[in-house]
Amino acid sequence: MQETRVSRWYFGGVSSSAAACLTHPLDLIKVHLQTQQEVRMRMIGMTVNVVRREGYLALYSGLSASLCRQMTYSLTRFAIYETVRDKITRENKGLMPFYQKVLLGTFGGFAGGFIGTPADLVNVRMQNDVKLPAELRRNYAHALDGLLRVWKEEGVRKLFSGATLASSRGALVSIGQLSCYDQSKQLFLSMGYLTDNVLTHFLASVFAGGCATILCQPLDVVKTRLMNSKLEYRGVFHCLTETANLGPKAFYKGLVPAAIRLIPHTVLTFMFLEQLRQHFGAVVVC
């Protein structure tokens, strides 16, 4: 019999929130790039423009909504994935095959994406407010204010605008992050050259972040446009069509900042998560 530590159900949400505090400026620039109708600015130019117009603190616009999103979306998907994975691993006394990890990541990500849609919508709007003219800004004071105002002014249905895309994106991100992280970490450990340490966690999370970025970028662009719209899109298909009319590259608009944001975010999330697991995780006997 051997004792080991496993993650508690809320560790994923805490780790993702901590990572979001460090990567939020990159997420904000990514949203600005994705909501351009035409490519007028690149990443550096957009960053300089935001700082010049609004100051350095503008790079943290919408942080409260970002944290709210992580504590709904990420907490849900990590809780489902890790709880079920650990239970199956203990019962089967062996590691799950990759296809089961993909299925579990898909389910957890889809559920998390749906639950996190309202906070995600407010997050996108608060981040995009910075580049709008003063008379067009929504000026949400914080995440809760944004959620309540959308509910009162636009109805409950608007809170879940883009829920299908957000859920689909959540599934793809979770396959890239959770399933690919688990599988790559397992592969690195099986080679015999690495142990369950920070280097292994770093390498596995870099790979997972890259997979997640490539998988979800097209949906991320459409989701961002749909959530930021003021009724100019009739639905998901109309938004897809309008984006496609801008050319194939439009679906990968903001890919570099998305990668620069998502890969570090993934690395930081799993680094924090592994440290929480190793020091504060629940002890199980296997």
C-alpha atoms as a PDB file:
ATOM      1  CA  MET A   1       0.000   0.000   0.000  1.00  0.00           C
ATOM      2  CA  GLN A   2       1.301   3.423  -0.970  1.00  0.00           C
ATOM      3  CA  GLU A   3       0.107   6.889   0.000  1.00  0.00           C
ATOM      4  CA  THR A   4      -0.232   9.599  -2.629  1.00  0.00           C
ATOM      5  CA  ARG A   5      -1.769  13.058  -2.811  1.00  0.00           C
ATOM      6  CA  VAL A   6      -4.518  14.019  -5.255  1.00  0.00           C
ATOM      7  CA  SER A   7      -5.999  17.418  -6.076  1.00  0.00           C
ATOM      8  CA  ARG A   8      -8.979  18.699  -4.148  1.00  0.00           C
ATOM      9  CA  TRP A   9     -11.978  19.666  -6.306  1.00  0.00           C
ATOM     10  CA  TYR A  10     -11.410  23.419  -6.015  1.00  0.00           C
ATOM     11  CA  PHE A  11      -7.649  23.484  -6.715  1.00  0.00           C
ATOM     12  CA  GLY A  12      -8.179  23.985 -10.456  1.00  0.00           C
ATOM     13  CA  GLY A  13     -10.237  27.137  -9.950  1.00  0.00           C
ATOM     14  CA  VAL A  14      -7.741  28.583  -7.473  1.00  0.00           C
ATOM     15  CA  SER A  15      -4.769  27.798  -9.732  1.00  0.00           C
ATOM     16  CA  SER A  16      -6.448  29.250 -12.822  1.00  0.00           C
ATOM     17  CA  SER A  17      -7.385  32.419 -10.928  1.00  0.00           C
ATOM     18  CA  ALA A  18      -3.805  32.900  -9.741  1.00  0.00           C
ATOM     19  CA  ALA A  19      -2.553  32.428 -13.309  1.00  0.00           C
ATOM     20  CA  ALA A  20      -5.168  34.876 -14.641  1.00  0.00           C
ATOM     21  CA  CYS A  21      -3.856  37.614 -12.352  1.00  0.00           C
ATOM     22  CA  LEU A  22      -0.507  37.387 -14.141  1.00  0.00           C
ATOM     23  CA  THR A  23      -1.705  36.870 -17.730  1.00  0.00           C
ATOM     24  CA  HIS A  24      -4.733  39.213 -17.804  1.00  0.00           C
ATOM     25  CA  PRO A  25      -3.035  41.977 -19.871  1.00  0.00           C
ATOM     26  CA  LEU A  26      -2.279  39.441 -22.609  1.00  0.00           C
ATOM     27  CA  ASP A  27      -5.899  38.276 -22.573  1.00  0.00           C
ATOM     28  CA  LEU A  28      -7.108  41.873 -22.889  1.00  0.00           C
ATOM     29  CA  ILE A  29      -4.898  42.553 -25.930  1.00  0.00           C
ATOM     30  CA  LYS A  30      -6.086  39.284 -27.489  1.00  0.00           C
ATOM     31  CA  VAL A  31      -9.726  40.401 -27.164  1.00  0.00           C
ATOM     32  CA  HIS A  32      -8.921  43.788 -28.719  1.00  0.00           C
ATOM     33  CA  LEU A  33      -7.258  42.149 -31.703  1.00  0.00           C
ATOM     34  CA  GLN A  34     -10.093  39.677 -32.230  1.00  0.00           C
ATOM     35  CA  THR A  35     -12.805  42.364 -32.207  1.00  0.00           C
ATOM     36  CA  GLN A  36     -11.180  44.420 -34.971  1.00  0.00           C
ATOM     37  CA  GLN A  37     -13.271  44.294 -38.140  1.00  0.00           C
ATOM     38  CA  GLU A  38     -10.107  44.679 -40.196  1.00  0.00           C
ATOM     39  CA  VAL A  39      -6.493  44.110 -39.226  1.00  0.00           C
ATOM     40  CA  ARG A  40      -5.360  47.620 -38.347  1.00  0.00           C
ATOM     41  CA  MET A  41      -3.040  46.938 -35.418  1.00  0.00           C
ATOM     42  CA  ARG A  42      -0.727  44.162 -34.352  1.00  0.00           C
ATOM     43  CA  MET A  43      -0.058  43.052 -30.791  1.00  0.00           C
ATOM     44  CA  ILE A  44       2.618  45.596 -29.861  1.00  0.00           C
ATOM     45  CA  GLY A  45       0.781  48.462 -31.562  1.00  0.00           C
ATOM     46  CA  MET A  46      -2.453  47.588 -29.756  1.00  0.00           C
ATOM     47  CA  THR A  47      -0.663  47.414 -26.401  1.00  0.00           C
ATOM     48  CA  VAL A  48       0.993  50.799 -26.935  1.00  0.00           C
ATOM     49  CA  ASN A  49      -2.334  52.291 -28.047  1.00  0.00           C
ATOM     50  CA  VAL A  50      -4.168  51.087 -24.913  1.00  0.00           C
ATOM     51  CA  VAL A  51      -1.433  52.323 -22.560  1.00  0.00           C
ATOM     52  CA  ARG A  52      -1.137  55.665 -24.357  1.00  0.00           C
ATOM     53  CA  ARG A  53      -4.894  56.310 -24.291  1.00  0.00           C
ATOM     54  CA  GLU A  54      -5.840  54.939 -20.874  1.00  0.00           C
ATOM     55  CA  GLY A  55      -2.679  54.266 -18.864  1.00  0.00           C
ATOM     56  CA  TYR A  56      -1.036  51.082 -17.634  1.00  0.00           C
ATOM     57  CA  LEU A  57      -3.914  50.128 -15.321  1.00  0.00           C
ATOM     58  CA  ALA A  58      -6.164  49.820 -18.383  1.00  0.00           C
ATOM     59  CA  LEU A  59      -4.338  46.562 -19.139  1.00  0.00           C
ATOM     60  CA  TYR A  60      -6.155  45.132 -16.110  1.00  0.00           C
ATOM     61  CA  SER A  61      -9.634  46.262 -17.187  1.00  0.00           C
ATOM     62  CA  GLY A  62     -12.109  43.499 -16.445  1.00  0.00           C
ATOM     63  CA  LEU A  63      -9.889  41.604 -13.996  1.00  0.00           C
ATOM     64  CA  SER A  64     -12.809  40.986 -11.626  1.00  0.00           C
ATOM     65  CA  ALA A  65     -14.782  39.390 -14.476  1.00  0.00           C
ATOM     66  CA  SER A  66     -11.757  37.321 -15.459  1.00  0.00           C
ATOM     67  CA  LEU A  67     -11.464  35.955 -11.916  1.00  0.00           C
ATOM     68  CA  CYS A  68     -15.221  35.320 -11.810  1.00  0.00           C
ATOM     69  CA  ARG A  69     -14.884  33.384 -15.062  1.00  0.00           C
ATOM     70  CA  GLN A  70     -12.041  31.243 -13.720  1.00  0.00           C
ATOM     71  CA  MET A  71     -13.985  30.435 -10.549  1.00  0.00           C
ATOM     72  CA  THR A  72     -16.944  29.221 -12.628  1.00  0.00           C
ATOM     73  CA  TYR A  73     -15.556  27.883 -15.914  1.00  0.00           C
ATOM     74  CA  SER A  74     -12.169  26.531 -14.815  1.00  0.00           C
ATOM     75  CA  LEU A  75     -13.295  25.365 -11.388  1.00  0.00           C
ATOM     76  CA  THR A  76     -16.079  23.295 -12.987  1.00  0.00           C
ATOM     77  CA  ARG A  77     -13.985  21.631 -15.688  1.00  0.00           C
ATOM     78  CA  PHE A  78     -11.041  20.866 -13.398  1.00  0.00           C
ATOM     79  CA  ALA A  79     -13.351  19.570 -10.658  1.00  0.00           C
ATOM     80  CA  ILE A  80     -15.139  17.201 -13.050  1.00  0.00           C
ATOM     81  CA  TYR A  81     -12.004  16.027 -14.838  1.00  0.00           C
ATOM     82  CA  GLU A  82      -9.733  15.474 -11.856  1.00  0.00           C
ATOM     83  CA  THR A  83     -12.378  14.013  -9.539  1.00  0.00           C
ATOM     84  CA  VAL A  84     -13.578  11.460 -12.106  1.00  0.00           C
ATOM     85  CA  ARG A  85     -10.049  10.675 -13.337  1.00  0.00           C
ATOM     86  CA  ASP A  86      -8.749  10.005  -9.829  1.00  0.00           C
ATOM     87  CA  LYS A  87     -11.776   7.857  -8.979  1.00  0.00           C
ATOM     88  CA  ILE A  88     -11.417   5.736 -12.139  1.00  0.00           C
ATOM     89  CA  THR A  89      -7.652   5.422 -11.638  1.00  0.00           C
ATOM     90  CA  ARG A  90      -8.125   4.139  -8.077  1.00  0.00           C
ATOM     91  CA  GLU A  91     -10.877   1.702  -9.037  1.00  0.00           C
ATOM     92  CA  ASN A  92      -9.019   0.321 -12.065  1.00  0.00           C
ATOM     93  CA  LYS A  93      -5.646   0.445 -10.294  1.00  0.00           C
ATOM     94  CA  GLY A  94      -4.125   1.824 -13.470  1.00  0.00           C
ATOM     95  CA  LEU A  95      -3.899   4.944 -15.627  1.00  0.00           C
ATOM     96  CA  MET A  96      -6.737   5.902 -17.964  1.00  0.00           C
ATOM     97  CA  PRO A  97      -6.144   5.470 -21.715  1.00  0.00           C
ATOM     98  CA  PHE A  98      -5.869   8.687 -23.723  1.00  0.00           C
ATOM     99  CA  TYR A  99      -9.245   8.387 -25.453  1.00  0.00           C
ATOM    100  CA  GLN A 100     -10.979   8.282 -22.055  1.00  0.00           C
ATOM    101  CA  LYS A 101      -9.071  11.388 -20.992  1.00  0.00           C
ATOM    102  CA  VAL A 102     -10.241  13.125 -24.170  1.00  0.00           C
ATOM    103  CA  LEU A 103     -13.870  12.143 -23.536  1.00  0.00           C
ATOM    104  CA  LEU A 104     -13.654  13.265 -19.914  1.00  0.00           C
ATOM    105  CA  GLY A 105     -11.953  16.530 -20.890  1.00  0.00           C
ATOM    106  CA  THR A 106     -14.660  17.150 -23.488  1.00  0.00           C
ATOM    107  CA  PHE A 107     -17.467  16.640 -20.973  1.00  0.00           C
ATOM    108  CA  GLY A 108     -15.813  18.711 -18.238  1.00  0.00           C
ATOM    109  CA  GLY A 109     -14.915  21.513 -20.638  1.00  0.00           C
ATOM    110  CA  PHE A 110     -18.396  21.636 -22.167  1.00  0.00           C
ATOM    111  CA  ALA A 111     -20.026  21.857 -18.728  1.00  0.00           C
ATOM    112  CA  GLY A 112     -17.532  24.458 -17.535  1.00  0.00           C
ATOM    113  CA  GLY A 113     -17.931  26.514 -20.703  1.00  0.00           C
ATOM    114  CA  PHE A 114     -21.703  26.676 -20.272  1.00  0.00           C
ATOM    115  CA  ILE A 115     -21.566  27.583 -16.573  1.00  0.00           C
ATOM    116  CA  GLY A 116     -18.888  30.211 -17.206  1.00  0.00           C
ATOM    117  CA  THR A 117     -20.649  31.905 -20.158  1.00  0.00           C
ATOM    118  CA  PRO A 118     -22.198  34.845 -18.215  1.00  0.00           C
ATOM    119  CA  ALA A 119     -18.883  35.758 -16.577  1.00  0.00           C
ATOM    120  CA  ASP A 120     -17.099  35.273 -19.904  1.00  0.00           C
ATOM    121  CA  LEU A 121     -19.496  37.669 -21.646  1.00  0.00           C
ATOM    122  CA  VAL A 122     -18.942  40.372 -19.032  1.00  0.00           C
ATOM    123  CA  ASN A 123     -15.191  39.727 -19.152  1.00  0.00           C
ATOM    124  CA  VAL A 124     -15.051  40.325 -22.935  1.00  0.00           C
ATOM    125  CA  ARG A 125     -17.156  43.472 -22.670  1.00  0.00           C
ATOM    126  CA  MET A 126     -15.127  44.976 -19.823  1.00  0.00           C
ATOM    127  CA  GLN A 127     -11.878  44.309 -21.651  1.00  0.00           C
ATOM    128  CA  ASN A 128     -13.166  45.780 -24.915  1.00  0.00           C
ATOM    129  CA  ASP A 129     -14.593  48.905 -23.236  1.00  0.00           C
ATOM    130  CA  VAL A 130     -11.137  50.481 -23.121  1.00  0.00           C
ATOM    131  CA  LYS A 131     -10.910  50.941 -26.885  1.00  0.00           C
ATOM    132  CA  LEU A 132     -14.468  52.254 -27.387  1.00  0.00           C
ATOM    133  CA  PRO A 133     -15.375  55.969 -27.524  1.00  0.00           C
ATOM    134  CA  ALA A 134     -16.550  57.278 -24.142  1.00  0.00           C
ATOM    135  CA  GLU A 135     -20.193  57.554 -25.260  1.00  0.00           C
ATOM    136  CA  LEU A 136     -20.313  53.884 -26.324  1.00  0.00           C
ATOM    137  CA  ARG A 137     -18.725  52.350 -23.233  1.00  0.00           C
ATOM    138  CA  ARG A 138     -20.777  50.150 -20.950  1.00  0.00           C
ATOM    139  CA  ASN A 139     -18.714  51.122 -17.881  1.00  0.00           C
ATOM    140  CA  TYR A 140     -19.443  48.100 -15.709  1.00  0.00           C
ATOM    141  CA  ALA A 141     -18.069  48.814 -12.226  1.00  0.00           C
ATOM    142  CA  HIS A 142     -17.115  45.167 -11.642  1.00  0.00           C
ATOM    143  CA  ALA A 143     -18.143  41.653 -12.625  1.00  0.00           C
ATOM    144  CA  LEU A 144     -21.275  41.506 -10.444  1.00  0.00           C
ATOM    145  CA  ASP A 145     -22.429  44.905 -11.708  1.00  0.00           C
ATOM    146  CA  GLY A 146     -21.936  43.705 -15.274  1.00  0.00           C
ATOM    147  CA  LEU A 147     -23.900  40.493 -14.685  1.00  0.00           C
ATOM    148  CA  LEU A 148     -26.806  42.358 -13.062  1.00  0.00           C
ATOM    149  CA  ARG A 149     -26.925  45.042 -15.763  1.00  0.00           C
ATOM    150  CA  VAL A 150     -26.936  42.534 -18.605  1.00  0.00           C
ATOM    151  CA  TRP A 151     -29.740  40.666 -16.846  1.00  0.00           C
ATOM    152  CA  LYS A 152     -31.835  43.830 -16.310  1.00  0.00           C
ATOM    153  CA  GLU A 153     -31.103  45.598 -19.605  1.00  0.00           C
ATOM    154  CA  GLU A 154     -30.876  42.690 -22.052  1.00  0.00           C
ATOM    155  CA  GLY A 155     -32.503  39.741 -20.325  1.00  0.00           C
ATOM    156  CA  VAL A 156     -31.345  36.375 -19.021  1.00  0.00           C
ATOM    157  CA  ARG A 157     -30.948  34.957 -22.529  1.00  0.00           C
ATOM    158  CA  LYS A 158     -28.258  37.514 -23.333  1.00  0.00           C
ATOM    159  CA  LEU A 159     -26.223  36.275 -20.362  1.00  0.00           C
ATOM    160  CA  PHE A 160     -25.905  32.995 -22.232  1.00  0.00           C
ATOM    161  CA  SER A 161     -25.266  34.553 -25.634  1.00  0.00           C
ATOM    162  CA  GLY A 162     -22.648  32.417 -27.331  1.00  0.00           C
ATOM    163  CA  ALA A 163     -23.085  29.584 -24.821  1.00  0.00           C
ATOM    164  CA  THR A 164     -22.852  26.959 -27.570  1.00  0.00           C
ATOM    165  CA  LEU A 165     -19.552  28.371 -28.779  1.00  0.00           C
ATOM    166  CA  ALA A 166     -18.258  28.926 -25.252  1.00  0.00           C
ATOM    167  CA  SER A 167     -19.088  25.332 -24.330  1.00  0.00           C
ATOM    168  CA  SER A 168     -17.525  23.981 -27.517  1.00  0.00           C
ATOM    169  CA  ARG A 169     -14.428  26.080 -26.939  1.00  0.00           C
ATOM    170  CA  GLY A 170     -14.300  24.898 -23.331  1.00  0.00           C
ATOM    171  CA  ALA A 171     -14.341  21.301 -24.551  1.00  0.00           C
ATOM    172  CA  LEU A 172     -11.491  21.919 -27.016  1.00  0.00           C
ATOM    173  CA  VAL A 173      -9.394  23.840 -24.482  1.00  0.00           C
ATOM    174  CA  SER A 174      -9.889  21.095 -21.921  1.00  0.00           C
ATOM    175  CA  ILE A 175      -8.789  18.433 -24.398  1.00  0.00           C
ATOM    176  CA  GLY A 176      -5.679  20.487 -25.117  1.00  0.00           C
ATOM    177  CA  GLN A 177      -4.942  21.447 -21.526  1.00  0.00           C
ATOM    178  CA  LEU A 178      -6.192  18.652 -19.286  1.00  0.00           C
ATOM    179  CA  SER A 179      -6.070  15.556 -21.498  1.00  0.00           C
ATOM    180  CA  CYS A 180      -2.847  16.487 -23.310  1.00  0.00           C
ATOM    181  CA  TYR A 181      -1.168  17.609 -20.075  1.00  0.00           C
ATOM    182  CA  ASP A 182      -1.959  14.304 -18.387  1.00  0.00           C
ATOM    183  CA  GLN A 183      -0.833  12.279 -21.386  1.00  0.00           C
ATOM    184  CA  SER A 184       2.399  14.206 -22.004  1.00  0.00           C
ATOM    185  CA  LYS A 185       3.290  14.115 -18.305  1.00  0.00           C
ATOM    186  CA  GLN A 186       2.670  10.361 -18.280  1.00  0.00           C
ATOM    187  CA  LEU A 187       4.874   9.994 -21.384  1.00  0.00           C
ATOM    188  CA  PHE A 188       7.722  12.036 -19.900  1.00  0.00           C
ATOM    189  CA  LEU A 189       7.649  10.013 -16.681  1.00  0.00           C
ATOM    190  CA  SER A 190       7.541   6.684 -18.541  1.00  0.00           C
ATOM    191  CA  MET A 191      10.753   7.548 -20.416  1.00  0.00           C
ATOM    192  CA  GLY A 192      12.671   7.229 -17.146  1.00  0.00           C
ATOM    193  CA  TYR A 193      14.709  10.417 -17.497  1.00  0.00           C
ATOM    194  CA  LEU A 194      12.389  12.704 -15.528  1.00  0.00           C
ATOM    195  CA  THR A 195      10.614  12.498 -12.193  1.00  0.00           C
ATOM    196  CA  ASP A 196       7.402  14.132 -10.958  1.00  0.00           C
ATOM    197  CA  ASN A 197       9.032  17.531 -10.487  1.00  0.00           C
ATOM    198  CA  VAL A 198       8.801  21.146 -11.668  1.00  0.00           C
ATOM    199  CA  LEU A 199      10.681  20.498 -14.929  1.00  0.00           C
ATOM    200  CA  THR A 200       8.273  17.734 -15.927  1.00  0.00           C
ATOM    201  CA  HIS A 201       5.287  19.915 -15.053  1.00  0.00           C
ATOM    202  CA  PHE A 202       6.752  22.775 -17.110  1.00  0.00           C
ATOM    203  CA  LEU A 203       7.435  20.697 -20.230  1.00  0.00           C
ATOM    204  CA  ALA A 204       4.044  18.974 -20.135  1.00  0.00           C
ATOM    205  CA  SER A 205       2.176  22.252 -19.631  1.00  0.00           C
ATOM    206  CA  VAL A 206       4.000  24.011 -22.511  1.00  0.00           C
ATOM    207  CA  PHE A 207       2.941  21.188 -24.828  1.00  0.00           C
ATOM    208  CA  ALA A 208      -0.622  21.274 -23.478  1.00  0.00           C
ATOM    209  CA  GLY A 209      -0.857  25.047 -23.907  1.00  0.00           C
ATOM    210  CA  GLY A 210       0.238  24.802 -27.539  1.00  0.00           C
ATOM    211  CA  CYS A 211      -2.335  22.092 -28.263  1.00  0.00           C
ATOM    212  CA  ALA A 212      -5.106  24.109 -26.610  1.00  0.00           C
ATOM    213  CA  THR A 213      -4.250  27.276 -28.559  1.00  0.00           C
ATOM    214  CA  ILE A 214      -4.342  25.603 -31.967  1.00  0.00           C
ATOM    215  CA  LEU A 215      -7.531  23.669 -31.219  1.00  0.00           C
ATOM    216  CA  CYS A 216      -9.649  26.516 -29.906  1.00  0.00           C
ATOM    217  CA  GLN A 217      -8.535  29.667 -31.761  1.00  0.00           C
ATOM    218  CA  PRO A 218     -11.189  29.662 -34.550  1.00  0.00           C
ATOM    219  CA  LEU A 219     -14.013  29.190 -32.045  1.00  0.00           C
ATOM    220  CA  ASP A 220     -12.446  31.739 -29.703  1.00  0.00           C
ATOM    221  CA  VAL A 221     -12.532  34.410 -32.413  1.00  0.00           C
ATOM    222  CA  VAL A 222     -16.207  33.772 -33.222  1.00  0.00           C
ATOM    223  CA  LYS A 223     -17.158  33.575 -29.530  1.00  0.00           C
ATOM    224  CA  THR A 224     -15.452  36.893 -28.783  1.00  0.00           C
ATOM    225  CA  ARG A 225     -17.162  38.626 -31.715  1.00  0.00           C
ATOM    226  CA  LEU A 226     -20.572  37.243 -30.746  1.00  0.00           C
ATOM    227  CA  MET A 227     -20.282  38.199 -27.083  1.00  0.00           C
ATOM    228  CA  ASN A 228     -19.042  41.713 -27.856  1.00  0.00           C
ATOM    229  CA  SER A 229     -21.740  42.391 -30.458  1.00  0.00           C
ATOM    230  CA  LYS A 230     -24.641  44.785 -30.054  1.00  0.00           C
ATOM    231  CA  LEU A 231     -27.140  42.659 -31.973  1.00  0.00           C
ATOM    232  CA  GLU A 232     -25.304  42.954 -35.326  1.00  0.00           C
ATOM    233  CA  TYR A 233     -25.138  39.154 -35.508  1.00  0.00           C
ATOM    234  CA  ARG A 234     -28.353  37.134 -35.748  1.00  0.00           C
ATOM    235  CA  GLY A 235     -26.725  34.040 -34.276  1.00  0.00           C
ATOM    236  CA  VAL A 236     -23.732  31.742 -34.304  1.00  0.00           C
ATOM    237  CA  PHE A 237     -24.057  30.785 -37.980  1.00  0.00           C
ATOM    238  CA  HIS A 238     -24.391  34.422 -39.072  1.00  0.00           C
ATOM    239  CA  CYS A 239     -21.314  35.336 -37.042  1.00  0.00           C
ATOM    240  CA  LEU A 240     -19.405  32.425 -38.594  1.00  0.00           C
ATOM    241  CA  THR A 241     -20.442  33.546 -42.090  1.00  0.00           C
ATOM    242  CA  GLU A 242     -19.486  37.178 -41.525  1.00  0.00           C
ATOM    243  CA  THR A 243     -16.120  36.158 -40.096  1.00  0.00           C
ATOM    244  CA  ALA A 244     -15.519  33.793 -43.019  1.00  0.00           C
ATOM    245  CA  ASN A 245     -16.208  36.667 -45.434  1.00  0.00           C
ATOM    246  CA  LEU A 246     -13.132  38.389 -44.023  1.00  0.00           C
ATOM    247  CA  GLY A 247     -11.011  35.458 -45.206  1.00  0.00           C
ATOM    248  CA  PRO A 248      -9.625  32.259 -43.614  1.00  0.00           C
ATOM    249  CA  LYS A 249      -7.014  34.212 -41.670  1.00  0.00           C
ATOM    250  CA  ALA A 250      -9.799  35.973 -39.769  1.00  0.00           C
ATOM    251  CA  PHE A 251     -10.406  32.782 -37.767  1.00  0.00           C
ATOM    252  CA  TYR A 252      -6.813  32.904 -36.543  1.00  0.00           C
ATOM    253  CA  LYS A 253      -6.751  36.630 -35.857  1.00  0.00           C
ATOM    254  CA  GLY A 254      -4.857  37.184 -32.640  1.00  0.00           C
ATOM    255  CA  LEU A 255      -3.233  33.718 -32.751  1.00  0.00           C
ATOM    256  CA  VAL A 256       0.172  34.956 -31.573  1.00  0.00           C
ATOM    257  CA  PRO A 257      -1.176  36.898 -28.567  1.00  0.00           C
ATOM    258  CA  ALA A 258      -3.547  33.994 -27.888  1.00  0.00           C
ATOM    259  CA  ALA A 259      -0.565  31.631 -27.769  1.00  0.00           C
ATOM    260  CA  ILE A 260       1.501  34.115 -25.780  1.00  0.00           C
ATOM    261  CA  ARG A 261      -1.371  34.364 -23.318  1.00  0.00           C
ATOM    262  CA  LEU A 262      -2.674  30.770 -23.220  1.00  0.00           C
ATOM    263  CA  ILE A 263       0.659  28.933 -23.054  1.00  0.00           C
ATOM    264  CA  PRO A 264       1.974  30.945 -20.051  1.00  0.00           C
ATOM    265  CA  HIS A 265      -1.494  30.743 -18.480  1.00  0.00           C
ATOM    266  CA  THR A 266      -1.471  26.961 -18.911  1.00  0.00           C
ATOM    267  CA  VAL A 267       2.061  26.672 -17.535  1.00  0.00           C
ATOM    268  CA  LEU A 268       1.278  28.829 -14.499  1.00  0.00           C
ATOM    269  CA  THR A 269      -2.023  27.029 -13.854  1.00  0.00           C
ATOM    270  CA  PHE A 270      -0.428  23.587 -13.767  1.00  0.00           C
ATOM    271  CA  MET A 271       2.620  24.765 -11.826  1.00  0.00           C
ATOM    272  CA  PHE A 272       0.325  26.197  -9.147  1.00  0.00           C
ATOM    273  CA  LEU A 273      -1.947  23.143  -9.314  1.00  0.00           C
ATOM    274  CA  GLU A 274       0.886  20.650  -8.889  1.00  0.00           C
ATOM    275  CA  GLN A 275       2.306  22.564  -5.933  1.00  0.00           C
ATOM    276  CA  LEU A 276      -1.114  22.692  -4.285  1.00  0.00           C
ATOM    277  CA  ARG A 277      -1.545  18.967  -4.908  1.00  0.00           C
ATOM    278  CA  GLN A 278       1.881  18.029  -3.543  1.00  0.00           C
ATOM    279  CA  HIS A 279       1.598  20.154  -0.402  1.00  0.00           C
ATOM    280  CA  PHE A 280      -2.132  20.381   0.364  1.00  0.00           C
ATOM    281  CA  GLY A 281      -3.744  17.568  -1.641  1.00  0.00           C
ATOM    282  CA  ALA A 282      -5.971  14.888  -0.163  1.00  0.00           C
ATOM    283  CA  VAL A 283      -4.027  11.794   0.913  1.00  0.00           C
ATOM    284  CA  VAL A 284      -5.253   8.533  -0.613  1.00  0.00           C
ATOM    285  CA  VAL A 285      -3.957   4.993  -0.242  1.00  0.00           C
ATOM    286  CA  CYS A 286      -3.472   3.023  -3.435  1.00  0.00           C
END
